[in-house]
C-alpha atoms as a PDB file:
ATOM      1  CA  MET A   1      29.151 -21.933  16.840  1.00  0.00           C
ATOM      2  CA  ARG A   2      30.838 -24.924  15.766  1.00  0.00           C
ATOM      3  CA  ASN A   3      30.427 -27.909  18.057  1.00  0.00           C
ATOM      4  CA  GLN A   4      31.165 -31.239  18.661  1.00  0.00           C
ATOM      5  CA  LYS A   5      27.248 -32.907  17.586  1.00  0.00           C
ATOM      6  CA  ASP A   6      27.425 -30.960  13.914  1.00  0.00           C
ATOM      7  CA  ILE A   7      31.214 -32.403  13.752  1.00  0.00           C
ATOM      8  CA  ASP A   8      30.411 -35.926  13.713  1.00  0.00           C
ATOM      9  CA  LEU A   9      27.005 -34.955  12.061  1.00  0.00           C
ATOM     10  CA  ILE A  10      29.517 -33.751   8.661  1.00  0.00           C
ATOM     11  CA  TYR A  11      31.812 -36.555   9.715  1.00  0.00           C
ATOM     12  CA  LYS A  12      28.646 -39.103   9.714  1.00  0.00           C
ATOM     13  CA  ASN A  13      27.638 -38.039   6.591  1.00  0.00           C
ATOM     14  CA  ASN A  14      30.808 -38.157   4.278  1.00  0.00           C
ATOM     15  CA  VAL A  15      31.785 -40.961   5.708  1.00  0.00           C
ATOM     16  CA  HIS A  16      32.723 -42.522   2.581  1.00  0.00           C
ATOM     17  CA  ASN A  17      35.856 -39.106   1.379  1.00  0.00           C
ATOM     18  CA  GLY A  18      35.921 -38.783   5.876  1.00  0.00           C
ATOM     19  CA  MET A  19      39.599 -39.915   7.845  1.00  0.00           C
ATOM     20  CA  ILE A  20      40.159 -39.076  11.647  1.00  0.00           C
ATOM     21  CA  PHE A  21      44.010 -38.555  12.944  1.00  0.00           C
ATOM     22  CA  SER A  22      45.424 -38.161  15.736  1.00  0.00           C
ATOM     23  CA  GLY A  23      41.867 -38.789  17.358  1.00  0.00           C
ATOM     24  CA  VAL A  24      40.478 -35.561  14.831  1.00  0.00           C
ATOM     25  CA  LYS A  25      38.157 -36.079  12.416  1.00  0.00           C
ATOM     26  CA  HIS A  26      39.270 -34.806   8.907  1.00  0.00           C
ATOM     27  CA  VAL A  27      37.171 -35.237   5.759  1.00  0.00           C
ATOM     28  CA  MET A  28      38.078 -34.529   1.838  1.00  0.00           C
ATOM     29  CA  VAL A  29      38.095 -30.485   0.020  1.00  0.00           C
ATOM     30  CA  MET A  30      38.857 -29.273  -3.245  1.00  0.00           C
ATOM     31  CA  THR A  31      40.463 -25.925  -2.585  1.00  0.00           C
ATOM     32  CA  ASN A  32      42.343 -23.496  -5.175  1.00  0.00           C
ATOM     33  CA  ARG A  33      45.821 -24.841  -4.116  1.00  0.00           C
ATOM     34  CA  GLY A  34      44.302 -28.697  -5.025  1.00  0.00           C
ATOM     35  CA  THR A  35      42.221 -31.316  -3.022  1.00  0.00           C
ATOM     36  CA  GLY A  36      43.085 -32.608   0.800  1.00  0.00           C
ATOM     37  CA  PHE A  37      42.113 -33.257   3.742  1.00  0.00           C
ATOM     38  CA  GLN A  38      41.231 -31.114   6.219  1.00  0.00           C
ATOM     39  CA  ALA A  39      39.930 -30.940   9.560  1.00  0.00           C
ATOM     40  CA  ILE A  40      35.766 -30.414  10.414  1.00  0.00           C
ATOM     41  CA  ASP A  41      36.987 -28.106  12.600  1.00  0.00           C
ATOM     42  CA  GLU A  42      39.238 -26.047  11.209  1.00  0.00           C
ATOM     43  CA  LEU A  43      37.224 -25.620   7.845  1.00  0.00           C
ATOM     44  CA  PRO A  44      36.211 -21.974   6.522  1.00  0.00           C
ATOM     45  CA  LYS A  45      32.987 -21.270   7.322  1.00  0.00           C
ATOM     46  CA  ASP A  46      31.388 -21.666   3.782  1.00  0.00           C
ATOM     47  CA  THR A  47      31.656 -24.377   3.693  1.00  0.00           C
ATOM     48  CA  TYR A  48      31.550 -25.552   7.174  1.00  0.00           C
ATOM     49  CA  ASP A  49      27.784 -24.286   6.591  1.00  0.00           C
ATOM     50  CA  ARG A  50      27.802 -26.212   3.666  1.00  0.00           C
ATOM     51  CA  MET A  51      29.092 -29.219   4.720  1.00  0.00           C
ATOM     52  CA  LEU A  52      26.219 -28.959   7.638  1.00  0.00           C
ATOM     53  CA  LYS A  53      23.440 -27.874   5.742  1.00  0.00           C
ATOM     54  CA  MET A  54      23.378 -30.545   3.275  1.00  0.00           C
ATOM     55  CA  ALA A  55      24.251 -33.131   6.738  1.00  0.00           C
ATOM     56  CA  ASN A  56      21.230 -31.924   8.249  1.00  0.00           C
ATOM     57  CA  LYS A  57      19.156 -32.587   5.016  1.00  0.00           C
ATOM     58  CA  LYS A  58      20.138 -35.990   4.751  1.00  0.00           C
ATOM     59  CA  GLU A  59      19.571 -36.835   8.143  1.00  0.00           C
ATOM     60  CA  GLU A  60      15.908 -35.376   7.401  1.00  0.00           C
ATOM     61  CA  GLN A  61      15.775 -37.233   4.904  1.00  0.00           C
ATOM     62  CA  LYS A  62      16.012 -40.133   6.579  1.00  0.00           C
ATOM     63  CA  ILE A  63      13.908 -39.716   8.488  1.00  0.00           C
ATOM     64  CA  ASN A  64      10.721 -38.405   6.735  1.00  0.00           C
ATOM     65  CA  GLU A  65      12.027 -41.987   4.658  1.00  0.00           C
ATOM     66  CA  ARG A  66      11.267 -44.177   7.607  1.00  0.00           C
ATOM     67  CA  LEU A  67       7.778 -41.826   7.963  1.00  0.00           C
ATOM     68  CA  LEU A  68       7.160 -41.816   5.096  1.00  0.00           C
ATOM     69  CA  ARG A  69       7.028 -46.034   3.929  1.00  0.00           C
ATOM     70  CA  PRO A  70       3.925 -46.958   6.315  1.00  0.00           C
ATOM     71  CA  ILE A  71       1.557 -44.995   4.075  1.00  0.00           C
ATOM     72  CA  ILE A  72       3.374 -45.775   0.578  1.00  0.00           C
ATOM     73  CA  GLU A  73       2.334 -49.981   1.238  1.00  0.00           C
ATOM     74  CA  LYS A  74      -1.214 -48.632   2.823  1.00  0.00           C
ATOM     75  CA  TYR A  75      -1.956 -46.575   0.240  1.00  0.00           C
ATOM     76  CA  ASN A  76       0.007 -48.566  -2.692  1.00  0.00           C
ATOM     77  CA  LEU A  77       2.475 -45.106  -3.481  1.00  0.00           C
ATOM     78  CA  HIS A  78       4.185 -47.193  -6.065  1.00  0.00           C
ATOM     79  CA  GLY A  79       5.893 -44.043  -7.450  1.00  0.00           C
ATOM     80  CA  LEU A  80       7.260 -42.435  -4.129  1.00  0.00           C
ATOM     81  CA  LYS A  81       8.223 -46.053  -3.991  1.00  0.00           C
ATOM     82  CA  ASN A  82      10.759 -45.182  -5.981  1.00  0.00           C
ATOM     83  CA  THR A  83      12.069 -41.921  -6.277  1.00  0.00           C
ATOM     84  CA  ALA A  84      13.267 -39.260  -3.496  1.00  0.00           C
ATOM     85  CA  GLN A  85      11.718 -36.848  -5.795  1.00  0.00           C
ATOM     86  CA  TRP A  86       8.458 -35.073  -4.579  1.00  0.00           C
ATOM     87  CA  ARG A  87      10.075 -34.678  -0.570  1.00  0.00           C
ATOM     88  CA  ASN A  88      11.399 -31.592  -0.372  1.00  0.00           C
ATOM     89  CA  SER A  89       8.279 -30.516   1.158  1.00  0.00           C
ATOM     90  CA  LEU A  90       4.545 -31.595   1.777  1.00  0.00           C
ATOM     91  CA  ASP A  91       2.693 -30.005  -0.359  1.00  0.00           C
ATOM     92  CA  SER A  92       5.105 -31.640  -3.273  1.00  0.00           C
ATOM     93  CA  LEU A  93       3.752 -34.929  -1.486  1.00  0.00           C
ATOM     94  CA  VAL A  94       0.635 -34.219  -1.691  1.00  0.00           C
ATOM     95  CA  GLN A  95       1.009 -32.874  -5.325  1.00  0.00           C
ATOM     96  CA  PHE A  96       2.346 -36.722  -6.089  1.00  0.00           C
ATOM     97  CA  CYS A  97      -0.557 -37.944  -4.739  1.00  0.00           C
ATOM     98  CA  SER A  98      -3.270 -36.593  -6.098  1.00  0.00           C
ATOM     99  CA  PHE A  99      -1.786 -38.368  -9.293  1.00  0.00           C
ATOM    100  CA  GLY A 100      -4.334 -40.200 -10.739  1.00  0.00           C
ATOM    101  CA  VAL A 101      -5.822 -40.721  -6.801  1.00  0.00           C
ATOM    102  CA  GLU A 102      -9.447 -39.531  -5.541  1.00  0.00           C
ATOM    103  CA  SER A 103      -9.938 -36.363  -3.715  1.00  0.00           C
ATOM    104  CA  SER A 104     -12.267 -38.679  -0.472  1.00  0.00           C
ATOM    105  CA  VAL A 105      -8.599 -40.417  -1.117  1.00  0.00           C
ATOM    106  CA  LEU A 106      -6.713 -38.069  -1.251  1.00  0.00           C
ATOM    107  CA  LYS A 107      -7.883 -35.757   2.292  1.00  0.00           C
ATOM    108  CA  ARG A 108      -7.099 -39.063   4.403  1.00  0.00           C
ATOM    109  CA  ILE A 109      -3.099 -39.412   2.267  1.00  0.00           C
ATOM    110  CA  LYS A 110      -2.930 -35.934   3.821  1.00  0.00           C
ATOM    111  CA  ALA A 111      -3.647 -36.095   7.203  1.00  0.00           C
ATOM    112  CA  ASP A 112      -1.337 -39.387   8.096  1.00  0.00           C
ATOM    113  CA  LEU A 113       1.218 -36.959   5.640  1.00  0.00           C
ATOM    114  CA  ILE A 114       0.325 -34.699   8.827  1.00  0.00           C
ATOM    115  CA  ASN A 115       0.190 -37.066  11.522  1.00  0.00           C
ATOM    116  CA  ALA A 116       3.359 -38.644  10.434  1.00  0.00           C
ATOM    117  CA  GLY A 117       5.028 -36.085  12.136  1.00  0.00           C
ATOM    118  CA  LEU A 118       7.562 -35.271   8.831  1.00  0.00           C
ATOM    119  CA  THR A 119       9.578 -31.970   8.954  1.00  0.00           C
ATOM    120  CA  PHE A 120      11.637 -30.095   6.064  1.00  0.00           C
ATOM    121  CA  LYS A 121      13.240 -27.853   8.062  1.00  0.00           C
ATOM    122  CA  TYR A 122      16.242 -28.622   5.694  1.00  0.00           C
ATOM    123  CA  GLN A 123      14.993 -29.327   2.360  1.00  0.00           C
END
């Protein structure tokens, strides 16, 4: 079911290749007939679903990054500062943090990651 909230989210995450015509949000899409703007609410189902999934993923990543920053600073996890990798699950974050960290510190890091409320629904 298409709703305005999802349409706005898709547009927000595609504003660099989007336009508003007569109050209707459009995005640039490629089809077998060429490239052009199409209203988000008129996109083919597979394109709409793909763009919505990516928009949800980007939003979740922004939120997780904000929640993760204090933990990165607290434990001086330099490797996480400069990469967007290791962000697709709690296990991948814990695995990354385990490199060169004592087990007692790793337990505290894992507890902080859990308590931070990170989500991985769209990753």
